[in-house]
Amino acid sequence: MECGVCWHVYDPTEGDPDRRVPPGTAFTALPQDWRCPICDATRIVFVRPNA
């Protein structure tokens, strides 16, 4: 999934070590209060990138 504000890509293989999200965590399994680590946008602005 990709942030619609800053275009940061959440990579489930990496997780989010800064927010203690372990590698292998799917985007849908992120905590509800998880926010973009770059611009602090909420999960709702994340979109699926074009293939």
N, C-alpha and C. Protein backbone atom coordinates (compact mmCIF):
# COMPACT_ATOMS: atom_id res chain seq x y z
N MET A 1 0.84 -1.18 0.00
CA MET A 1 0.00 0.00 0.00
C MET A 1 0.89 1.24 0.00
N GLU A 2 0.36 2.29 -0.58
CA GLU A 2 1.14 3.51 -0.79
C GLU A 2 0.39 4.71 -0.21
N CYS A 3 1.11 5.56 0.50
CA CYS A 3 0.50 6.75 1.09
C CYS A 3 0.08 7.71 -0.01
N GLY A 4 -1.18 8.16 0.03
CA GLY A 4 -1.69 9.09 -0.96
C GLY A 4 -1.23 10.52 -0.74
N VAL A 5 -0.50 10.77 0.35
CA VAL A 5 0.00 12.12 0.63
C VAL A 5 1.46 12.24 0.20
N CYS A 6 2.31 11.35 0.71
CA CYS A 6 3.75 11.47 0.45
C CYS A 6 4.30 10.34 -0.43
N TRP A 7 3.46 9.37 -0.77
CA TRP A 7 3.79 8.24 -1.64
C TRP A 7 4.75 7.24 -1.01
N HIS A 8 4.87 7.25 0.31
CA HIS A 8 5.65 6.23 1.02
C HIS A 8 4.96 4.88 0.80
N VAL A 9 5.74 3.86 0.50
CA VAL A 9 5.20 2.52 0.28
C VAL A 9 5.40 1.69 1.54
N TYR A 10 4.29 1.18 2.09
CA TYR A 10 4.39 0.25 3.22
C TYR A 10 4.73 -1.12 2.65
N ASP A 11 5.86 -1.67 3.07
CA ASP A 11 6.32 -2.98 2.61
C ASP A 11 6.13 -3.99 3.74
N PRO A 12 5.19 -4.92 3.59
CA PRO A 12 4.94 -5.87 4.66
C PRO A 12 6.13 -6.77 4.97
N THR A 13 7.04 -6.94 4.03
CA THR A 13 8.22 -7.77 4.32
C THR A 13 9.17 -7.07 5.28
N GLU A 14 9.08 -5.74 5.35
CA GLU A 14 9.91 -4.97 6.27
C GLU A 14 9.19 -4.58 7.55
N GLY A 15 7.85 -4.45 7.49
CA GLY A 15 7.11 -3.96 8.64
C GLY A 15 7.43 -2.50 8.87
N ASP A 16 7.37 -2.08 10.12
CA ASP A 16 7.70 -0.70 10.49
C ASP A 16 8.45 -0.76 11.82
N PRO A 17 9.76 -0.95 11.77
CA PRO A 17 10.53 -1.11 13.01
C PRO A 17 10.44 0.09 13.95
N ASP A 18 10.26 1.30 13.41
CA ASP A 18 10.16 2.49 14.26
C ASP A 18 8.90 2.47 15.13
N ARG A 19 7.87 1.80 14.63
CA ARG A 19 6.60 1.71 15.39
C ARG A 19 6.35 0.29 15.89
N ARG A 20 7.40 -0.49 15.93
CA ARG A 20 7.38 -1.86 16.46
C ARG A 20 6.39 -2.78 15.75
N VAL A 21 6.29 -2.62 14.42
CA VAL A 21 5.49 -3.52 13.61
C VAL A 21 6.47 -4.51 13.00
N PRO A 22 6.35 -5.79 13.35
CA PRO A 22 7.33 -6.77 12.88
C PRO A 22 7.22 -7.07 11.39
N PRO A 23 8.34 -7.48 10.78
CA PRO A 23 8.30 -7.91 9.38
C PRO A 23 7.26 -9.01 9.20
N GLY A 24 6.62 -9.01 8.04
CA GLY A 24 5.60 -10.00 7.76
C GLY A 24 4.19 -9.56 8.13
N THR A 25 4.04 -8.32 8.63
CA THR A 25 2.73 -7.82 9.01
C THR A 25 2.04 -7.21 7.80
N ALA A 26 0.90 -7.79 7.43
CA ALA A 26 0.13 -7.27 6.31
C ALA A 26 -0.44 -5.90 6.65
N PHE A 27 -0.67 -5.08 5.63
CA PHE A 27 -1.23 -3.75 5.86
C PHE A 27 -2.55 -3.84 6.61
N THR A 28 -3.38 -4.81 6.27
CA THR A 28 -4.69 -4.96 6.91
C THR A 28 -4.57 -5.36 8.37
N ALA A 29 -3.40 -5.85 8.78
CA ALA A 29 -3.19 -6.27 10.17
C ALA A 29 -2.51 -5.19 11.02
N LEU A 30 -2.22 -4.03 10.43
CA LEU A 30 -1.61 -2.95 11.19
C LEU A 30 -2.59 -2.44 12.24
N PRO A 31 -2.08 -1.95 13.36
CA PRO A 31 -2.98 -1.37 14.38
C PRO A 31 -3.80 -0.23 13.78
N GLN A 32 -5.02 -0.04 14.26
CA GLN A 32 -5.90 1.01 13.73
C GLN A 32 -5.30 2.40 13.88
N ASP A 33 -4.44 2.60 14.87
CA ASP A 33 -3.85 3.93 15.07
C ASP A 33 -2.51 4.11 14.35
N TRP A 34 -2.13 3.11 13.53
CA TRP A 34 -0.87 3.22 12.77
C TRP A 34 -0.97 4.38 11.80
N ARG A 35 0.14 5.11 11.65
CA ARG A 35 0.19 6.26 10.75
C ARG A 35 1.43 6.17 9.87
N CYS A 36 1.41 6.88 8.77
CA CYS A 36 2.55 6.89 7.85
C CYS A 36 3.79 7.35 8.59
N PRO A 37 4.89 6.58 8.49
CA PRO A 37 6.10 6.98 9.21
C PRO A 37 6.79 8.21 8.62
N ILE A 38 6.40 8.61 7.42
CA ILE A 38 7.03 9.77 6.79
C ILE A 38 6.24 11.05 7.05
N CYS A 39 4.93 11.03 6.77
CA CYS A 39 4.14 12.27 6.86
C CYS A 39 3.07 12.24 7.95
N ASP A 40 2.95 11.14 8.66
CA ASP A 40 2.01 10.99 9.76
C ASP A 40 0.54 10.95 9.32
N ALA A 41 0.30 10.64 8.04
CA ALA A 41 -1.08 10.50 7.55
C ALA A 41 -1.70 9.22 8.13
N THR A 42 -3.02 9.22 8.24
CA THR A 42 -3.72 8.04 8.74
C THR A 42 -3.76 6.94 7.68
N ARG A 43 -4.11 5.75 8.12
CA ARG A 43 -4.18 4.59 7.21
C ARG A 43 -5.17 4.80 6.08
N ILE A 44 -6.21 5.59 6.31
CA ILE A 44 -7.28 5.74 5.33
C ILE A 44 -6.80 6.37 4.01
N VAL A 45 -5.71 7.12 4.03
CA VAL A 45 -5.22 7.75 2.80
C VAL A 45 -4.32 6.83 1.98
N PHE A 46 -4.05 5.63 2.48
CA PHE A 46 -3.22 4.68 1.74
C PHE A 46 -4.04 4.04 0.62
N VAL A 47 -3.41 3.90 -0.53
CA VAL A 47 -4.05 3.31 -1.70
C VAL A 47 -3.17 2.20 -2.25
N ARG A 48 -3.80 1.33 -3.01
CA ARG A 48 -3.05 0.25 -3.66
C ARG A 48 -2.34 0.86 -4.88
N PRO A 49 -1.02 0.68 -4.98
CA PRO A 49 -0.29 1.26 -6.14
C PRO A 49 -0.70 0.56 -7.43
N ASN A 50 -0.60 1.29 -8.53
CA ASN A 50 -0.90 0.71 -9.85
C ASN A 50 0.11 -0.39 -10.17
N ALA A 51 -0.38 -1.45 -10.73
CA ALA A 51 0.49 -2.58 -11.09
C ALA A 51 1.16 -2.34 -12.42
